Every structure is written in C-alpha cells, then in structure tokens.
Amino acid sequence: MSSSLFLPSYSAFVEDEHDDKNDFQERGKAMVHRTCVCLLLSLAWGTARIVAAQEAGMKPEGFKAAIRLIEEEVESGLVGAAALLVAHNDRIVVEQGFGSLSRKPGAEPCRSNSVFLVASISKPVTAMAVMRLVDEGRISLDDPAQKYLPEFTGSGRERITIRNLLSHTSGLPDMLPDNIDLRKRQAPLKDFVAGALHTPLLFTPGTGVSYQSMGILLVSETVERVSGMPLDRFLQREVFGPLKMPHSTMGIGKRKIEDTVQCDLPAQGDLRMKDSDASWNWNSPYWRRLGVPWGGMHTTVGDIYRLLQAMLDKGRPILKPELGELMVSNQNAKLDKPWGLGWAMGENAFYDGSPGKAFGHSGATGTLCWADPERRLVFVLFTNRPLANDPGNFLRQVAKRVSDAAGHER
C-alpha cells in the first residue's frame, strides 16, 4: 500500500465484542466516511501526480505504468517496502513511499522520507569525500595509495593509485576471503582495513577491471588519515551539510533500527543470510552501526536526489566543475568496463537501453539510483528486497518505464 493512502482496518473500529449496537453503528459510519475520504484523497493524489508528470514533460501513461509496477510488487508481498523519487528537468515529479517499514503486523507505513540501508550506493558517496580532499589539494588522484597508507606495500601494491581504487582497477578483491567470519565475530572496521591492506591482488593494477569494495574501504581509510576525522563526521561537514542531506549518515547514527526500513535477507550468493544470523546480518545492531564505507550508508530518496542533482550540476556547490565532470567521466577507456570515480556508468548499466552518459549506482539491499545528464532525468528507487532475491530485475523494469515516460528529448 502506498503511504499516500492509508485505509484504517475494520477492526480498528471494533474495540470490544460487547460494544452496544448503536455504538457499533456509529463506528461503522465513521469507518465508511473515513474510507471515502481516503479514496478521494488517493484519486486527487493520482490526478496531481499525472499533472506533475505532464508539466515536467513526461508521458502520463508510461509514468503510471511505472508506479503501478511498484504497487503490484508491494501488493503481492514480494516487496515489503519501497520509496520512489523521480525528477525531470529539475522538477520533482513524484516522491512517494509504499508498503511498511517491516514485515511485522502493524508496522508503520513506509513513507517517502523513510530511511533505508542503501548498501553500495554508499560507494560514490565515499568517493565524494575523497574528491573534497582532491578539491582542496590535499590528495592527488594519481598519487600512489601507499603515500597515505605506508603499510600498503609489496606484490605490486605500490603501483595502485587513488584513481585505481575509485575506478575498480586496483586488483583488490570485492570482499576479503574471511569476510563472513569477520562479520560473525562482529569485527571492528579496523580489522577489515588490516585485511584489505594485505590481501592478495587479483591482477596487476591498472590492467583490468574488477568490482572491489575493498578499494573503497582503503580510500575511506585515506580520507580519515588525511582529514584527521572519522568518515561520517567528514561527510556530515563536507558533503551532507552543504548538499542539504539531513537524513544521511554512514552507519545508522542516532536512529533506532525499528525506525528504519528492515531489509529482507539475501537467500543466495556469497552473502546468504538468515534470520538466525541476527548478530551480524543487515538488520543487526552490529552491521547497522559499523558504517562500512562500501555499503553502510543510511539515507532517503530525497537526499540521494540532492546528491545526483549536484552531480548534474558538475559537483556544485562542493566541487570545482572540472572535478564534478571528472567523477562521471569514464576512467577506464582502455579497458573493458567503464567506471567513473565511484560512479557506475556505461550503456545498459541501469536498464535496457540506458545511455552511456548516465551515471548512478545500485545496492545489494535492493536500491538503484541514476541520473541522465542529457535529459536532466533523475531516478531513485529504494526497496527492501535484495538484488539476489529478484530474478526479474524489478528495479531495472521500473527504471525502464520511467525512462520511456520521459521520452528521448530534454
């Protein structure tokens, strides 16, 4: 159910089976009245949404198809919670929540400003922290990482640059060999850093492309050593504050887990999790508080929209325009997989037919965001269904419908 429409249940008006008949009738009338009001509000909201889409230059029927696809997934129970924001030509067309914060009976509705654990959408945000230091002249992209991490030596590691770490060309693995064991014993982040500094490389730096969360971890460590402050505090001061992203934290911050969207757990893949893994899975206090720079960010669709909008504006107001453009330019032109600096890019990266100049990122918890510079089109969709549990590529389907609704011209 969408958060724009909340219908009270019949049981909410029957508090006791011994209520007298007149009281029951009055309650029934109240229920009917409130239901009618809610339905009228829903119709008004739907109409407003169509008008907003038209005024922003989008095709209403295609846009309605995208919204309906989300509603169907939520109504079927395949998705428990979702939040969508779409903007076109610098105008927000929709910002809406669907479903509930958790699968528990009576859970609060998921709203457009509900907070999600967004997994790897954290990566370009961590990259923004690095670029702030590049902007200040305190880090150079072509410096060897060893300059800032002296213990990062041997087996070709001295050839790895900051640019390699941000463009997935370092040769580092995505996860450490003992990744699950570290999580199960609730290891602190410094233990992951120690592992990343010494784990074997998969290939000679700069000669291949392989997605590497551990590279993002090491640039985060670089930010902390150069700035002298924890990553989240640096982000609050240098990124989240200036971009007016008040709901964003690396880690859960001061929130309670139950006030955020609860993730469904991946049923397959290297990160298979079960409810019995409650001490370390995505919904555990340990993981939510750890704030891993490759996947621990908590945020809202509205905050990520502001980040994407800043990138459409060449990084302003927090980066020089040439650095903002560089972040969303292909760094791997001589290799087989395009990447920006922290940002994913390339044809078909976000849906079938997505343009090569679009940039964004997805997250394993069931999240996707991207922006198309040519059309000034921004798409942010968060859900609680892991990508590993989604054989139908639901996020890409919704993205395709939104893109089609926007047409091919600005």
Protein backbone atom coordinates (compact mmCIF):
# COMPACT_ATOMS: atom_id res chain seq x y z
CA MET A 1 0.00 0.00 0.00
CA SER A 2 1.25 3.47 -0.84
CA SER A 3 1.90 5.86 2.02
CA SER A 4 -0.27 8.39 0.22
CA LEU A 5 -3.29 6.23 1.01
CA PHE A 6 -3.85 4.66 4.40
CA LEU A 7 -7.15 2.84 4.94
CA PRO A 8 -7.91 2.00 8.59
CA SER A 9 -8.84 -1.61 9.20
CA TYR A 10 -12.34 -2.64 10.23
CA SER A 11 -11.00 -4.00 13.49
CA ALA A 12 -9.76 -0.54 14.41
CA PHE A 13 -13.37 0.49 14.95
CA VAL A 14 -14.43 -2.56 16.97
CA GLU A 15 -12.63 -2.33 20.29
CA ASP A 16 -14.70 -4.80 22.22
CA GLU A 17 -17.11 -7.54 21.19
CA HIS A 18 -19.57 -6.28 23.84
CA ASP A 19 -19.99 -2.77 22.33
CA ASP A 20 -23.66 -1.88 22.14
CA LYS A 21 -25.39 -1.84 18.79
CA ASN A 22 -25.70 1.92 18.47
CA ASP A 23 -22.06 2.46 19.22
CA PHE A 24 -21.16 -0.20 16.64
CA GLN A 25 -23.32 1.52 14.01
CA GLU A 26 -21.72 4.89 14.71
CA ARG A 27 -18.29 3.37 14.42
CA GLY A 28 -19.26 1.73 11.16
CA LYS A 29 -20.44 5.07 9.76
CA ALA A 30 -17.16 6.64 10.82
CA MET A 31 -15.25 3.91 9.05
CA VAL A 32 -17.18 4.37 5.82
CA HIS A 33 -16.74 8.14 5.97
CA ARG A 34 -13.01 7.93 6.56
CA THR A 35 -12.59 5.32 3.85
CA CYS A 36 -14.40 7.52 1.34
CA VAL A 37 -12.26 10.49 2.29
CA CYS A 38 -9.10 8.41 1.87
CA LEU A 39 -10.22 7.15 -1.52
CA LEU A 40 -10.98 10.70 -2.67
CA LEU A 41 -7.58 11.84 -1.45
CA SER A 42 -6.00 8.95 -3.31
CA LEU A 43 -7.78 9.91 -6.52
CA ALA A 44 -6.73 13.54 -6.04
CA TRP A 45 -3.14 12.44 -5.43
CA GLY A 46 -3.19 10.29 -8.55
CA THR A 47 -4.53 13.20 -10.60
CA ALA A 48 -1.91 15.57 -9.17
CA ARG A 49 0.77 13.05 -9.99
CA ILE A 50 -0.34 12.85 -13.62
CA VAL A 51 -0.47 16.64 -13.90
CA ALA A 52 3.02 16.92 -12.39
CA ALA A 53 4.32 14.37 -14.88
CA GLN A 54 2.79 16.27 -17.80
CA GLU A 55 4.15 19.60 -16.60
CA ALA A 56 7.62 18.06 -16.24
CA GLY A 57 7.45 16.82 -19.83
CA MET A 58 6.71 13.15 -19.10
CA LYS A 59 4.14 10.87 -20.69
CA PRO A 60 1.42 10.18 -18.08
CA GLU A 61 0.56 6.66 -19.22
CA GLY A 62 4.15 5.47 -19.11
CA PHE A 63 4.65 7.10 -15.74
CA LYS A 64 1.51 5.46 -14.35
CA ALA A 65 2.79 2.08 -15.57
CA ALA A 66 5.99 2.55 -13.53
CA ILE A 67 4.02 3.42 -10.38
CA ARG A 68 1.65 0.52 -10.92
CA LEU A 69 4.53 -1.93 -11.22
CA ILE A 70 5.77 -0.91 -7.76
CA GLU A 71 2.26 -1.15 -6.31
CA GLU A 72 1.82 -4.65 -7.74
CA GLU A 73 5.10 -5.88 -6.23
CA VAL A 74 4.13 -4.50 -2.84
CA GLU A 75 0.58 -5.85 -3.01
CA SER A 76 1.93 -9.31 -3.92
CA GLY A 77 4.23 -9.27 -0.89
CA LEU A 78 7.37 -9.70 -3.00
CA VAL A 79 8.45 -6.23 -1.89
CA GLY A 80 7.67 -5.14 1.63
CA ALA A 81 8.76 -1.51 1.40
CA ALA A 82 9.70 0.91 -1.35
CA ALA A 83 10.29 4.61 -1.88
CA LEU A 84 10.48 6.31 -5.27
CA LEU A 85 11.62 9.74 -6.38
CA VAL A 86 11.64 10.87 -10.00
CA ALA A 87 12.66 14.31 -11.21
CA HIS A 88 12.71 15.65 -14.74
CA ASN A 89 14.06 18.99 -15.91
CA ASP A 90 14.94 19.89 -12.31
CA ARG A 91 11.38 19.31 -11.12
CA ILE A 92 10.35 16.50 -8.76
CA VAL A 93 7.54 14.55 -10.40
CA VAL A 94 6.90 12.09 -7.59
CA GLU A 95 8.31 11.37 -4.14
CA GLN A 96 6.32 8.52 -2.62
CA GLY A 97 6.54 5.62 -0.20
CA PHE A 98 4.93 2.18 -0.48
CA GLY A 99 4.40 -0.69 1.96
CA SER A 100 5.60 -0.83 5.56
CA LEU A 101 8.87 -0.39 7.44
CA SER A 102 8.95 -4.09 8.34
CA ARG A 103 7.13 -7.37 7.75
CA LYS A 104 5.76 -7.33 11.31
CA PRO A 105 1.97 -6.93 11.73
CA GLY A 106 1.02 -3.34 12.47
CA ALA A 107 4.32 -1.90 11.21
CA GLU A 108 4.43 1.79 10.38
CA PRO A 109 3.93 2.68 6.71
CA CYS A 110 6.98 3.32 4.56
CA ARG A 111 6.94 6.97 3.57
CA SER A 112 8.84 8.99 1.02
CA ASN A 113 11.24 10.15 3.74
CA SER A 114 11.74 6.72 5.32
CA VAL A 115 15.37 5.78 5.91
CA PHE A 116 16.87 2.78 4.08
CA LEU A 117 20.19 0.98 4.35
CA VAL A 118 21.27 1.56 0.74
CA ALA A 119 24.32 -0.75 0.53
CA SER A 120 26.67 0.09 -2.37
CA ILE A 121 25.10 3.45 -3.14
CA SER A 122 27.48 4.29 -0.28
CA LYS A 123 30.44 3.93 -2.67
CA PRO A 124 30.02 7.12 -4.74
CA VAL A 125 29.28 8.97 -1.50
CA THR A 126 32.61 7.83 -0.05
CA ALA A 127 34.18 8.88 -3.35
CA MET A 128 32.72 12.36 -2.84
CA ALA A 129 34.66 12.59 0.43
CA VAL A 130 37.88 11.77 -1.44
CA MET A 131 37.11 14.35 -4.10
CA ARG A 132 36.60 17.05 -1.49
CA LEU A 133 40.21 16.47 -0.42
CA VAL A 134 41.31 16.45 -4.07
CA ASP A 135 39.49 19.75 -4.48
CA GLU A 136 41.48 21.16 -1.54
CA GLY A 137 44.77 19.90 -2.97
CA ARG A 138 45.35 17.51 -0.06
CA ILE A 139 45.13 14.37 -2.21
CA SER A 140 46.01 13.76 -5.86
CA LEU A 141 44.15 11.11 -7.85
CA ASP A 142 47.39 9.83 -9.38
CA ASP A 143 49.26 9.60 -6.12
CA PRO A 144 50.10 6.05 -5.07
CA ALA A 145 47.81 4.96 -2.26
CA GLN A 146 50.98 3.98 -0.40
CA LYS A 147 51.72 7.69 0.11
CA TYR A 148 48.81 7.83 2.55
CA LEU A 149 48.89 4.18 3.64
CA PRO A 150 52.60 3.39 4.17
CA GLU A 151 51.93 -0.22 5.18
CA PHE A 152 50.27 -0.89 1.79
CA THR A 153 53.41 -2.45 0.25
CA GLY A 154 54.64 -5.45 -1.72
CA SER A 155 53.37 -7.54 -4.64
CA GLY A 156 52.74 -4.50 -6.82
CA ARG A 157 50.66 -2.57 -4.29
CA GLU A 158 52.95 0.45 -4.67
CA ARG A 159 51.54 0.82 -8.22
CA ILE A 160 47.94 1.27 -7.02
CA THR A 161 46.79 4.89 -7.25
CA ILE A 162 43.83 6.65 -5.64
CA ARG A 163 42.26 6.69 -9.11
CA ASN A 164 42.63 2.89 -9.35
CA LEU A 165 40.84 2.48 -6.02
CA LEU A 166 37.95 4.67 -7.18
CA SER A 167 37.58 3.12 -10.66
CA HIS A 168 37.76 -0.57 -9.67
CA THR A 169 41.11 -1.15 -11.40
CA SER A 170 43.31 -1.77 -8.34
CA GLY A 171 43.31 -5.56 -8.48
CA LEU A 172 41.88 -5.77 -4.96
CA PRO A 173 39.03 -8.24 -4.37
CA ASP A 174 35.46 -7.20 -3.72
CA MET A 175 35.42 -8.86 -0.29
CA LEU A 176 38.09 -10.40 1.91
CA PRO A 177 38.43 -14.21 2.00
CA ASP A 178 37.33 -14.18 5.65
CA ASN A 179 34.56 -11.61 5.14
CA ILE A 180 31.79 -13.72 6.68
CA ASP A 181 33.96 -14.81 9.60
CA LEU A 182 34.79 -11.18 10.35
CA ARG A 183 31.11 -10.31 10.40
CA LYS A 184 30.16 -13.30 12.52
CA ARG A 185 32.63 -12.29 15.22
CA GLN A 186 31.48 -8.67 14.93
CA ALA A 187 34.93 -7.43 13.99
CA PRO A 188 35.58 -3.67 14.13
CA LEU A 189 36.19 -1.81 10.89
CA LYS A 190 39.93 -1.62 11.55
CA ASP A 191 40.12 -5.41 11.15
CA PHE A 192 38.64 -5.13 7.66
CA VAL A 193 41.17 -2.38 6.87
CA ALA A 194 44.05 -4.55 8.08
CA GLY A 195 42.84 -7.37 5.85
CA ALA A 196 42.47 -5.11 2.80
CA LEU A 197 46.00 -3.77 3.22
CA HIS A 198 47.48 -7.25 2.91
CA THR A 199 45.03 -9.34 0.87
CA PRO A 200 46.46 -10.77 -2.40
CA LEU A 201 45.79 -8.83 -5.61
CA LEU A 202 43.75 -10.45 -8.37
CA PHE A 203 45.74 -8.84 -11.21
CA THR A 204 48.38 -6.21 -11.91
CA PRO A 205 46.96 -2.79 -11.00
CA GLY A 206 45.57 -0.85 -13.94
CA THR A 207 45.39 -3.83 -16.31
CA GLY A 208 41.84 -4.97 -15.59
CA VAL A 209 38.52 -4.03 -14.03
CA SER A 210 37.02 -5.93 -11.11
CA TYR A 211 34.42 -4.55 -8.71
CA GLN A 212 36.18 -4.03 -5.39
CA SER A 213 34.55 -2.92 -2.17
CA MET A 214 37.94 -3.21 -0.52
CA GLY A 215 39.28 -0.43 -2.73
CA ILE A 216 36.55 1.86 -1.44
CA LEU A 217 37.45 0.82 2.11
CA LEU A 218 41.05 1.91 1.56
CA VAL A 219 40.12 5.31 0.11
CA SER A 220 37.91 5.78 3.17
CA GLU A 221 40.90 5.00 5.38
CA THR A 222 42.87 7.55 3.36
CA VAL A 223 40.21 10.21 3.96
CA GLU A 224 40.29 9.53 7.69
CA ARG A 225 44.10 9.74 7.90
CA VAL A 226 44.39 12.89 5.80
CA SER A 227 41.44 14.73 7.38
CA GLY A 228 42.05 13.51 10.92
CA MET A 229 38.39 12.70 11.49
CA PRO A 230 36.03 9.70 11.10
CA LEU A 231 34.45 9.33 7.67
CA ASP A 232 30.89 10.03 8.83
CA ARG A 233 31.90 13.24 10.57
CA PHE A 234 33.84 14.34 7.49
CA LEU A 235 30.85 13.57 5.26
CA GLN A 236 28.49 15.50 7.55
CA ARG A 237 30.71 18.56 7.35
CA GLU A 238 31.86 18.43 3.74
CA VAL A 239 29.07 16.66 1.81
CA PHE A 240 25.80 16.08 3.65
CA GLY A 241 25.65 19.52 5.24
CA PRO A 242 26.43 21.60 2.14
CA LEU A 243 24.12 19.48 -0.06
CA LYS A 244 21.29 19.66 2.49
CA MET A 245 21.11 15.90 3.04
CA PRO A 246 19.80 15.91 6.64
CA HIS A 247 18.74 12.25 6.71
CA SER A 248 22.10 10.80 5.62
CA THR A 249 24.66 9.04 7.81
CA MET A 250 27.40 6.49 7.20
CA GLY A 251 26.08 3.95 9.69
CA ILE A 252 22.75 4.27 11.44
CA GLY A 253 23.76 7.26 13.54
CA LYS A 254 21.47 8.02 16.48
CA ARG A 255 18.42 6.32 14.98
CA LYS A 256 16.72 3.19 16.24
CA ILE A 257 16.77 0.29 13.80
CA GLU A 258 12.99 -0.14 14.11
CA ASP A 259 12.53 3.43 12.82
CA THR A 260 14.24 2.48 9.54
CA VAL A 261 13.20 0.08 6.79
CA GLN A 262 14.02 -3.53 7.68
CA CYS A 263 15.85 -5.39 4.92
CA ASP A 264 14.76 -8.75 3.62
CA LEU A 265 17.78 -11.05 3.62
CA PRO A 266 19.58 -12.50 0.57
CA ALA A 267 18.67 -16.16 0.09
CA GLN A 268 21.56 -16.97 -2.26
CA GLY A 269 25.02 -15.82 -3.25
CA ASP A 270 28.17 -15.23 -1.22
CA LEU A 271 26.25 -13.12 1.30
CA ARG A 272 23.45 -15.57 2.10
CA MET A 273 21.84 -14.58 5.38
CA LYS A 274 19.11 -15.95 7.62
CA ASP A 275 17.07 -14.56 10.48
CA SER A 276 19.15 -16.81 12.73
CA ASP A 277 22.18 -14.70 11.72
CA ALA A 278 20.68 -11.92 13.82
CA SER A 279 24.03 -11.00 15.39
CA TRP A 280 25.57 -9.87 12.08
CA ASN A 281 23.04 -9.67 9.25
CA TRP A 282 21.87 -6.44 7.59
CA ASN A 283 19.30 -5.75 10.33
CA SER A 284 21.67 -6.37 13.25
CA PRO A 285 22.82 -3.54 15.54
CA TYR A 286 26.40 -4.57 14.73
CA TRP A 287 26.08 -4.09 10.97
CA ARG A 288 23.90 -1.01 11.10
CA ARG A 289 26.30 0.76 13.46
CA LEU A 290 29.52 -0.35 11.75
CA GLY A 291 29.06 2.12 8.87
CA VAL A 292 31.19 0.33 6.30
CA PRO A 293 32.15 2.89 3.63
CA TRP A 294 31.32 0.49 0.82
CA GLY A 295 27.79 -0.27 1.99
CA GLY A 296 26.73 1.17 5.35
CA MET A 297 25.02 4.42 4.39
CA HIS A 298 21.51 5.16 5.70
CA THR A 299 19.57 7.74 3.73
CA THR A 300 16.34 8.72 1.95
CA VAL A 301 15.39 9.03 -1.69
CA GLY A 302 15.21 12.80 -1.26
CA ASP A 303 18.77 13.05 0.00
CA ILE A 304 20.15 10.92 -2.84
CA TYR A 305 18.22 13.09 -5.30
CA ARG A 306 20.12 16.12 -3.97
CA LEU A 307 23.40 14.28 -4.44
CA LEU A 308 22.54 13.32 -8.03
CA GLN A 309 21.34 16.84 -8.75
CA ALA A 310 24.69 18.19 -7.55
CA MET A 311 26.45 15.82 -9.95
CA LEU A 312 24.22 17.00 -12.81
CA ASP A 313 25.43 20.49 -11.87
CA LYS A 314 29.09 19.39 -12.20
CA GLY A 315 29.61 18.82 -8.50
CA ARG A 316 28.49 22.25 -7.42
CA PRO A 317 28.41 23.55 -4.75
CA ILE A 318 31.01 21.28 -3.14
CA LEU A 319 33.41 20.55 -6.03
CA LYS A 320 35.07 22.56 -8.75
CA PRO A 321 33.14 21.94 -12.01
CA GLU A 322 36.07 20.14 -13.64
CA LEU A 323 36.23 17.67 -10.74
CA GLY A 324 32.48 17.11 -10.82
CA GLU A 325 32.68 16.33 -14.53
CA LEU A 326 35.64 14.04 -13.94
CA MET A 327 33.71 11.95 -11.42
CA VAL A 328 31.12 11.00 -14.03
CA SER A 329 33.60 10.53 -16.90
CA ASN A 330 34.86 7.09 -17.91
CA GLN A 331 38.23 6.46 -16.25
CA ASN A 332 38.72 3.08 -17.95
CA ALA A 333 38.71 3.99 -21.63
CA LYS A 334 41.50 1.50 -22.43
CA LEU A 335 39.83 -1.34 -20.50
CA ASP A 336 36.69 -3.40 -20.98
CA LYS A 337 34.40 -1.92 -18.31
CA PRO A 338 33.60 1.79 -17.92
CA TRP A 339 33.58 3.38 -14.46
CA GLY A 340 33.63 6.92 -13.24
CA LEU A 341 35.20 7.85 -9.91
CA GLY A 342 32.91 5.90 -7.60
CA TRP A 343 30.01 6.15 -10.05
CA ALA A 344 28.83 3.30 -12.28
CA MET A 345 28.25 4.18 -15.93
CA GLY A 346 28.09 2.70 -19.40
CA GLU A 347 25.39 1.65 -21.85
CA ASN A 348 22.65 -0.53 -20.33
CA ALA A 349 24.09 -0.04 -16.84
CA PHE A 350 20.76 0.79 -15.17
CA TYR A 351 18.11 -0.60 -17.51
CA ASP A 352 18.00 -2.00 -21.02
CA GLY A 353 18.84 0.92 -23.25
CA SER A 354 20.20 3.30 -20.61
CA PRO A 355 22.59 5.78 -22.26
CA GLY A 356 26.34 5.65 -21.84
CA LYS A 357 26.46 9.10 -20.23
CA ALA A 358 24.05 8.15 -17.43
CA PHE A 359 25.68 7.61 -14.04
CA GLY A 360 24.48 6.10 -10.79
CA HIS A 361 24.77 3.01 -8.61
CA SER A 362 22.82 0.07 -7.24
CA GLY A 363 22.89 -1.56 -3.81
CA ALA A 364 22.57 -5.20 -2.76
CA THR A 365 19.80 -4.39 -0.27
CA GLY A 366 17.52 -3.56 -3.24
CA THR A 367 18.33 0.01 -4.26
CA LEU A 368 19.01 1.84 -7.51
CA CYS A 369 19.71 5.44 -8.42
CA TRP A 370 20.85 7.15 -11.60
CA ALA A 371 20.82 10.41 -13.48
CA ASP A 372 20.78 11.11 -17.21
CA PRO A 373 22.58 14.42 -17.95
CA GLU A 374 21.16 14.77 -21.45
CA ARG A 375 17.54 14.71 -20.23
CA ARG A 376 18.09 16.07 -16.70
CA LEU A 377 16.27 12.94 -15.54
CA VAL A 378 16.84 11.61 -12.00
CA PHE A 379 15.60 8.23 -10.75
CA VAL A 380 15.87 6.94 -7.16
CA LEU A 381 14.14 3.72 -6.09
CA PHE A 382 14.80 2.03 -2.75
CA THR A 383 13.22 -1.29 -1.74
CA ASN A 384 13.77 -3.86 0.99
CA ARG A 385 14.12 -6.80 -1.42
CA PRO A 386 17.78 -7.83 -2.00
CA LEU A 387 19.02 -7.89 -5.57
CA ALA A 388 19.89 -11.57 -5.04
CA ASN A 389 16.18 -12.31 -4.45
CA ASP A 390 15.00 -10.51 -7.57
CA PRO A 391 15.39 -12.73 -10.64
CA GLY A 392 13.08 -10.49 -12.66
CA ASN A 393 15.22 -7.37 -12.31
CA PHE A 394 12.32 -5.38 -10.88
CA LEU A 395 14.37 -2.22 -10.29
CA ARG A 396 15.55 -2.17 -13.90
CA GLN A 397 11.98 -2.69 -15.12
CA VAL A 398 10.70 0.32 -13.19
CA ALA A 399 13.67 2.38 -14.37
CA LYS A 400 12.92 1.47 -17.98
CA ARG A 401 9.29 2.55 -17.66
CA VAL A 402 10.29 5.88 -16.12
CA SER A 403 12.84 6.46 -18.87
CA ASP A 404 10.26 5.66 -21.56
CA ALA A 405 7.81 8.05 -19.92
CA ALA A 406 10.41 10.82 -20.11
CA GLY A 407 10.98 10.28 -23.84
CA HIS A 408 14.28 10.83 -25.57
CA GLU A 409 14.47 14.60 -25.54
CA ARG A 410 15.01 17.05 -22.73
